[in-house]
Amino acid sequence: MILRRTLLLLALAGATSLVAFGQNETVVIRPEASDEVLRQSWHGHHDLSTFNGQPLNQGLRWSEEGPTAKHAEPAARSTFPDTSIAYCRWFWNEIQPVATRVRWEIIDTALEEAREHHQTLAIRLMPYDEEHPLPEWFRNSGARRANKATDKDGAIWQPDFSDPLYMKYWTALVAEARRSLRWPSLS
């Protein structure tokens, strides 16, 4: 008990002396005011499904869908600041509408646009959401469904993520993307 009190008093004394020392060593830094955009590679803002100079998504909602073809260059350049990163995402049904064909040209086109606009392309492949169902070929493959059409959330066909067919087909797409796009190993 005495040892605990002694240690507590020593800790409090040390903390008090550090605070007192810190007050004597205060340094005030005032950066220069600037209206410039702070550019930091891989930090800050990025374009979502567009590229430098192109108009942003209109309205209060952004597009969840990456471009599937080259964007036409706008007559007037967007006033949104240029970014070092273009971020595009695609749903499985867009990338692989049939089991035997993956549309890599979609990503190749986005890579080329990013290069033309002096950006690095960050991508994401997504299986589905409430507006973008799983590919029809997958739903008809014998894969297990996690919900029923009559369920509260039954409007969208949700896969059983532990189903071997889901694991097989989704993993195959991701693995092929990694090989085709020369992604680094995830391990």
C-alpha atoms as a PDB file:
ATOM      1  CA  MET A   1       0.000   0.000   0.000  1.00  0.00           C
ATOM      2  CA  ILE A   2       2.807   2.426   0.896  1.00  0.00           C
ATOM      3  CA  LEU A   3       4.659   1.465  -2.280  1.00  0.00           C
ATOM      4  CA  ARG A   4       1.550   2.202  -4.419  1.00  0.00           C
ATOM      5  CA  ARG A   5       1.100   5.641  -2.817  1.00  0.00           C
ATOM      6  CA  THR A   6       4.781   6.432  -3.290  1.00  0.00           C
ATOM      7  CA  LEU A   7       4.624   5.446  -6.987  1.00  0.00           C
ATOM      8  CA  LEU A   8       1.453   7.488  -7.472  1.00  0.00           C
ATOM      9  CA  LEU A   9       3.042  10.560  -5.878  1.00  0.00           C
ATOM     10  CA  LEU A  10       6.171  10.156  -8.019  1.00  0.00           C
ATOM     11  CA  ALA A  11       4.031   9.831 -11.164  1.00  0.00           C
ATOM     12  CA  LEU A  12       2.029  12.955 -10.272  1.00  0.00           C
ATOM     13  CA  ALA A  13       5.203  14.895  -9.500  1.00  0.00           C
ATOM     14  CA  GLY A  14       6.704  13.840 -12.826  1.00  0.00           C
ATOM     15  CA  ALA A  15       3.584  14.820 -14.765  1.00  0.00           C
ATOM     16  CA  THR A  16       3.460  18.211 -12.998  1.00  0.00           C
ATOM     17  CA  SER A  17       7.081  18.936 -13.816  1.00  0.00           C
ATOM     18  CA  LEU A  18       6.537  17.980 -17.477  1.00  0.00           C
ATOM     19  CA  VAL A  19       3.572  20.364 -17.720  1.00  0.00           C
ATOM     20  CA  ALA A  20       5.609  23.127 -16.093  1.00  0.00           C
ATOM     21  CA  PHE A  21       8.534  22.422 -18.450  1.00  0.00           C
ATOM     22  CA  GLY A  22       6.228  22.409 -21.485  1.00  0.00           C
ATOM     23  CA  GLN A  23       4.820  25.816 -20.551  1.00  0.00           C
ATOM     24  CA  ASN A  24       8.299  27.332 -20.617  1.00  0.00           C
ATOM     25  CA  GLU A  25       9.038  25.841 -24.051  1.00  0.00           C
ATOM     26  CA  THR A  26       5.916  26.907 -25.972  1.00  0.00           C
ATOM     27  CA  VAL A  27       6.547  27.508 -29.665  1.00  0.00           C
ATOM     28  CA  VAL A  28       3.904  29.213 -31.779  1.00  0.00           C
ATOM     29  CA  ILE A  29       3.850  28.406 -35.497  1.00  0.00           C
ATOM     30  CA  ARG A  30       1.740  30.466 -37.859  1.00  0.00           C
ATOM     31  CA  PRO A  31       1.671  29.100 -41.414  1.00  0.00           C
ATOM     32  CA  GLU A  32       1.393  31.506 -44.307  1.00  0.00           C
ATOM     33  CA  ALA A  33      -2.178  31.959 -45.502  1.00  0.00           C
ATOM     34  CA  SER A  34      -2.823  30.426 -48.902  1.00  0.00           C
ATOM     35  CA  ASP A  35      -5.779  29.846 -51.193  1.00  0.00           C
ATOM     36  CA  GLU A  36      -3.940  27.000 -52.956  1.00  0.00           C
ATOM     37  CA  VAL A  37      -5.129  23.400 -52.748  1.00  0.00           C
ATOM     38  CA  LEU A  38      -2.900  21.327 -50.503  1.00  0.00           C
ATOM     39  CA  ARG A  39      -1.755  18.440 -52.660  1.00  0.00           C
ATOM     40  CA  GLN A  40      -0.704  15.274 -50.897  1.00  0.00           C
ATOM     41  CA  SER A  41      -0.248  12.071 -52.788  1.00  0.00           C
ATOM     42  CA  TRP A  42      -2.682   9.420 -51.507  1.00  0.00           C
ATOM     43  CA  HIS A  43      -4.212  11.836 -48.987  1.00  0.00           C
ATOM     44  CA  GLY A  44      -6.983  14.374 -49.219  1.00  0.00           C
ATOM     45  CA  HIS A  45      -9.559  14.424 -51.992  1.00  0.00           C
ATOM     46  CA  HIS A  46      -9.894  12.386 -55.171  1.00  0.00           C
ATOM     47  CA  ASP A  47     -12.130  12.154 -58.199  1.00  0.00           C
ATOM     48  CA  LEU A  48     -14.882   9.523 -58.027  1.00  0.00           C
ATOM     49  CA  SER A  49     -15.616   7.917 -61.395  1.00  0.00           C
ATOM     50  CA  THR A  50     -14.363  11.023 -63.201  1.00  0.00           C
ATOM     51  CA  PHE A  51     -10.943  12.390 -64.128  1.00  0.00           C
ATOM     52  CA  ASN A  52      -9.261  15.782 -63.736  1.00  0.00           C
ATOM     53  CA  GLY A  53     -11.147  18.555 -65.507  1.00  0.00           C
ATOM     54  CA  GLN A  54     -14.319  16.543 -66.065  1.00  0.00           C
ATOM     55  CA  PRO A  55     -17.632  17.587 -64.511  1.00  0.00           C
ATOM     56  CA  LEU A  56     -18.490  16.008 -61.204  1.00  0.00           C
ATOM     57  CA  ASN A  57     -21.598  13.963 -60.577  1.00  0.00           C
ATOM     58  CA  GLN A  58     -24.646  16.176 -60.587  1.00  0.00           C
ATOM     59  CA  GLY A  59     -27.091  16.510 -57.720  1.00  0.00           C
ATOM     60  CA  LEU A  60     -26.709  15.275 -54.177  1.00  0.00           C
ATOM     61  CA  ARG A  61     -25.699  11.710 -55.030  1.00  0.00           C
ATOM     62  CA  TRP A  62     -22.541  10.299 -56.551  1.00  0.00           C
ATOM     63  CA  SER A  63     -22.369   7.445 -58.981  1.00  0.00           C
ATOM     64  CA  GLU A  64     -21.446   4.035 -57.608  1.00  0.00           C
ATOM     65  CA  GLU A  65     -20.638   2.916 -61.137  1.00  0.00           C
ATOM     66  CA  GLY A  66     -17.271   3.400 -62.734  1.00  0.00           C
ATOM     67  CA  PRO A  67     -17.051   4.515 -66.333  1.00  0.00           C
ATOM     68  CA  THR A  68     -17.552   1.802 -68.932  1.00  0.00           C
ATOM     69  CA  ALA A  69     -16.255   3.887 -71.844  1.00  0.00           C
ATOM     70  CA  LYS A  70     -13.984   6.851 -72.390  1.00  0.00           C
ATOM     71  CA  HIS A  71     -15.502  10.128 -71.197  1.00  0.00           C
ATOM     72  CA  ALA A  72     -15.965  12.859 -73.789  1.00  0.00           C
ATOM     73  CA  GLU A  73     -13.820  15.868 -72.911  1.00  0.00           C
ATOM     74  CA  PRO A  74     -16.027  18.720 -71.678  1.00  0.00           C
ATOM     75  CA  ALA A  75     -16.286  22.022 -73.537  1.00  0.00           C
ATOM     76  CA  ALA A  76     -15.350  23.845 -70.315  1.00  0.00           C
ATOM     77  CA  ARG A  77     -12.985  22.448 -67.730  1.00  0.00           C
ATOM     78  CA  SER A  78     -14.437  21.728 -64.274  1.00  0.00           C
ATOM     79  CA  THR A  79     -13.513  24.169 -61.515  1.00  0.00           C
ATOM     80  CA  PHE A  80     -12.995  21.298 -59.059  1.00  0.00           C
ATOM     81  CA  PRO A  81      -9.289  21.198 -58.129  1.00  0.00           C
ATOM     82  CA  ASP A  82      -7.131  18.621 -59.871  1.00  0.00           C
ATOM     83  CA  THR A  83      -6.342  15.531 -57.867  1.00  0.00           C
ATOM     84  CA  SER A  84      -3.567  12.964 -58.008  1.00  0.00           C
ATOM     85  CA  ILE A  85      -6.013  10.055 -57.717  1.00  0.00           C
ATOM     86  CA  ALA A  86      -9.018   8.943 -59.747  1.00  0.00           C
ATOM     87  CA  TYR A  87     -11.110   6.362 -57.887  1.00  0.00           C
ATOM     88  CA  CYS A  88     -13.425   4.085 -59.862  1.00  0.00           C
ATOM     89  CA  ARG A  89     -15.581   1.177 -58.747  1.00  0.00           C
ATOM     90  CA  TRP A  90     -17.410  -1.438 -60.727  1.00  0.00           C
ATOM     91  CA  PHE A  91     -19.999  -4.014 -59.836  1.00  0.00           C
ATOM     92  CA  TRP A  92     -19.554  -7.658 -60.713  1.00  0.00           C
ATOM     93  CA  ASN A  93     -22.449  -7.666 -63.189  1.00  0.00           C
ATOM     94  CA  GLU A  94     -20.765  -4.875 -65.192  1.00  0.00           C
ATOM     95  CA  ILE A  95     -17.299  -6.435 -65.212  1.00  0.00           C
ATOM     96  CA  GLN A  96     -18.458 -10.024 -65.830  1.00  0.00           C
ATOM     97  CA  PRO A  97     -21.931  -9.994 -67.394  1.00  0.00           C
ATOM     98  CA  VAL A  98     -21.490 -13.589 -68.606  1.00  0.00           C
ATOM     99  CA  ALA A  99     -19.526 -16.358 -66.910  1.00  0.00           C
ATOM    100  CA  THR A 100     -17.115 -16.771 -69.791  1.00  0.00           C
ATOM    101  CA  ARG A 101     -16.181 -13.130 -70.366  1.00  0.00           C
ATOM    102  CA  VAL A 102     -14.587 -10.506 -68.135  1.00  0.00           C
ATOM    103  CA  ARG A 103     -14.658  -6.986 -69.579  1.00  0.00           C
ATOM    104  CA  TRP A 104     -11.083  -5.918 -68.738  1.00  0.00           C
ATOM    105  CA  GLU A 105     -11.303  -3.233 -71.413  1.00  0.00           C
ATOM    106  CA  ILE A 106     -13.416  -1.175 -68.997  1.00  0.00           C
ATOM    107  CA  ILE A 107     -10.547  -0.992 -66.515  1.00  0.00           C
ATOM    108  CA  ASP A 108      -7.967  -0.589 -69.308  1.00  0.00           C
ATOM    109  CA  THR A 109      -9.876   2.464 -70.569  1.00  0.00           C
ATOM    110  CA  ALA A 110     -10.029   3.943 -67.056  1.00  0.00           C
ATOM    111  CA  LEU A 111      -6.277   3.349 -66.626  1.00  0.00           C
ATOM    112  CA  GLU A 112      -5.592   5.159 -69.890  1.00  0.00           C
ATOM    113  CA  GLU A 113      -7.847   8.079 -68.894  1.00  0.00           C
ATOM    114  CA  ALA A 114      -6.104   8.347 -65.540  1.00  0.00           C
ATOM    115  CA  ARG A 115      -2.716   8.483 -67.300  1.00  0.00           C
ATOM    116  CA  GLU A 116      -3.985  11.138 -69.735  1.00  0.00           C
ATOM    117  CA  HIS A 117      -5.188  13.237 -66.777  1.00  0.00           C
ATOM    118  CA  HIS A 118      -1.953  12.751 -64.769  1.00  0.00           C
ATOM    119  CA  GLN A 119      -3.607  10.635 -62.115  1.00  0.00           C
ATOM    120  CA  THR A 120      -3.120   7.295 -60.431  1.00  0.00           C
ATOM    121  CA  LEU A 121      -6.125   5.002 -60.715  1.00  0.00           C
ATOM    122  CA  ALA A 122      -7.491   3.366 -57.574  1.00  0.00           C
ATOM    123  CA  ILE A 123     -10.174   0.771 -58.209  1.00  0.00           C
ATOM    124  CA  ARG A 124     -12.644  -1.332 -56.295  1.00  0.00           C
ATOM    125  CA  LEU A 125     -14.592  -4.349 -57.484  1.00  0.00           C
ATOM    126  CA  MET A 126     -17.891  -4.858 -55.679  1.00  0.00           C
ATOM    127  CA  PRO A 127     -20.160  -7.912 -55.822  1.00  0.00           C
ATOM    128  CA  TYR A 128     -23.547  -6.130 -55.626  1.00  0.00           C
ATOM    129  CA  ASP A 129     -25.737  -3.597 -53.846  1.00  0.00           C
ATOM    130  CA  GLU A 130     -29.464  -2.896 -53.711  1.00  0.00           C
ATOM    131  CA  GLU A 131     -29.453  -1.274 -57.166  1.00  0.00           C
ATOM    132  CA  HIS A 132     -26.849  -3.473 -58.864  1.00  0.00           C
ATOM    133  CA  PRO A 133     -27.702  -7.177 -58.586  1.00  0.00           C
ATOM    134  CA  LEU A 134     -25.284 -10.055 -58.842  1.00  0.00           C
ATOM    135  CA  PRO A 135     -24.764 -11.260 -62.402  1.00  0.00           C
ATOM    136  CA  GLU A 136     -27.719 -13.281 -63.662  1.00  0.00           C
ATOM    137  CA  TRP A 137     -25.444 -16.140 -64.714  1.00  0.00           C
ATOM    138  CA  PHE A 138     -24.214 -16.392 -61.104  1.00  0.00           C
ATOM    139  CA  ARG A 139     -27.742 -16.307 -59.639  1.00  0.00           C
ATOM    140  CA  ASN A 140     -28.674 -19.142 -62.029  1.00  0.00           C
ATOM    141  CA  SER A 141     -25.497 -21.168 -61.375  1.00  0.00           C
ATOM    142  CA  GLY A 142     -26.934 -23.143 -58.474  1.00  0.00           C
ATOM    143  CA  ALA A 143     -25.380 -20.793 -55.924  1.00  0.00           C
ATOM    144  CA  ARG A 144     -27.171 -20.532 -52.602  1.00  0.00           C
ATOM    145  CA  ARG A 145     -29.213 -17.477 -51.776  1.00  0.00           C
ATOM    146  CA  ALA A 146     -29.011 -16.127 -48.205  1.00  0.00           C
ATOM    147  CA  ASN A 147     -32.481 -14.572 -48.234  1.00  0.00           C
ATOM    148  CA  LYS A 148     -35.842 -15.395 -49.794  1.00  0.00           C
ATOM    149  CA  ALA A 149     -37.779 -13.269 -52.255  1.00  0.00           C
ATOM    150  CA  THR A 150     -40.518 -12.942 -49.613  1.00  0.00           C
ATOM    151  CA  ASP A 151     -38.117 -11.610 -46.929  1.00  0.00           C
ATOM    152  CA  LYS A 152     -38.168  -7.945 -45.950  1.00  0.00           C
ATOM    153  CA  ASP A 153     -34.892  -7.510 -47.861  1.00  0.00           C
ATOM    154  CA  GLY A 154     -35.874  -9.995 -50.571  1.00  0.00           C
ATOM    155  CA  ALA A 155     -35.933  -7.498 -53.436  1.00  0.00           C
ATOM    156  CA  ILE A 156     -32.207  -8.043 -53.889  1.00  0.00           C
ATOM    157  CA  TRP A 157     -30.781 -11.549 -54.279  1.00  0.00           C
ATOM    158  CA  GLN A 158     -28.165 -11.857 -51.525  1.00  0.00           C
ATOM    159  CA  PRO A 159     -25.585 -14.601 -51.816  1.00  0.00           C
ATOM    160  CA  ASP A 160     -24.661 -16.978 -49.044  1.00  0.00           C
ATOM    161  CA  PHE A 161     -21.074 -15.789 -48.586  1.00  0.00           C
ATOM    162  CA  SER A 162     -20.011 -19.208 -47.282  1.00  0.00           C
ATOM    163  CA  ASP A 163     -21.371 -20.958 -50.385  1.00  0.00           C
ATOM    164  CA  PRO A 164     -18.536 -22.726 -52.244  1.00  0.00           C
ATOM    165  CA  LEU A 165     -19.871 -21.421 -55.581  1.00  0.00           C
ATOM    166  CA  TYR A 166     -19.776 -17.814 -54.363  1.00  0.00           C
ATOM    167  CA  MET A 167     -16.257 -18.345 -53.042  1.00  0.00           C
ATOM    168  CA  LYS A 168     -15.202 -20.015 -56.291  1.00  0.00           C
ATOM    169  CA  TYR A 169     -16.548 -17.414 -58.738  1.00  0.00           C
ATOM    170  CA  TRP A 170     -15.895 -14.216 -56.756  1.00  0.00           C
ATOM    171  CA  THR A 171     -12.409 -15.385 -55.752  1.00  0.00           C
ATOM    172  CA  ALA A 172     -11.652 -16.312 -59.367  1.00  0.00           C
ATOM    173  CA  LEU A 173     -12.611 -12.802 -60.541  1.00  0.00           C
ATOM    174  CA  VAL A 174     -10.515 -11.086 -57.873  1.00  0.00           C
ATOM    175  CA  ALA A 175      -7.548 -13.419 -58.490  1.00  0.00           C
ATOM    176  CA  GLU A 176      -7.739 -12.826 -62.249  1.00  0.00           C
ATOM    177  CA  ALA A 177      -7.929  -9.072 -61.679  1.00  0.00           C
ATOM    178  CA  ARG A 178      -4.836  -9.274 -59.515  1.00  0.00           C
ATOM    179  CA  ARG A 179      -2.967 -11.232 -62.200  1.00  0.00           C
ATOM    180  CA  SER A 180      -4.215  -9.157 -65.130  1.00  0.00           C
ATOM    181  CA  LEU A 181      -3.677  -5.801 -63.479  1.00  0.00           C
ATOM    182  CA  ARG A 182      -0.439  -6.831 -61.763  1.00  0.00           C
ATOM    183  CA  TRP A 183      -1.755  -6.048 -58.282  1.00  0.00           C
ATOM    184  CA  PRO A 184       0.587  -6.781 -55.419  1.00  0.00           C
ATOM    185  CA  SER A 185       0.047  -9.878 -53.359  1.00  0.00           C
ATOM    186  CA  LEU A 186      -2.419  -9.519 -50.495  1.00  0.00           C
ATOM    187  CA  SER A 187      -0.453 -11.869 -48.247  1.00  0.00           C
END
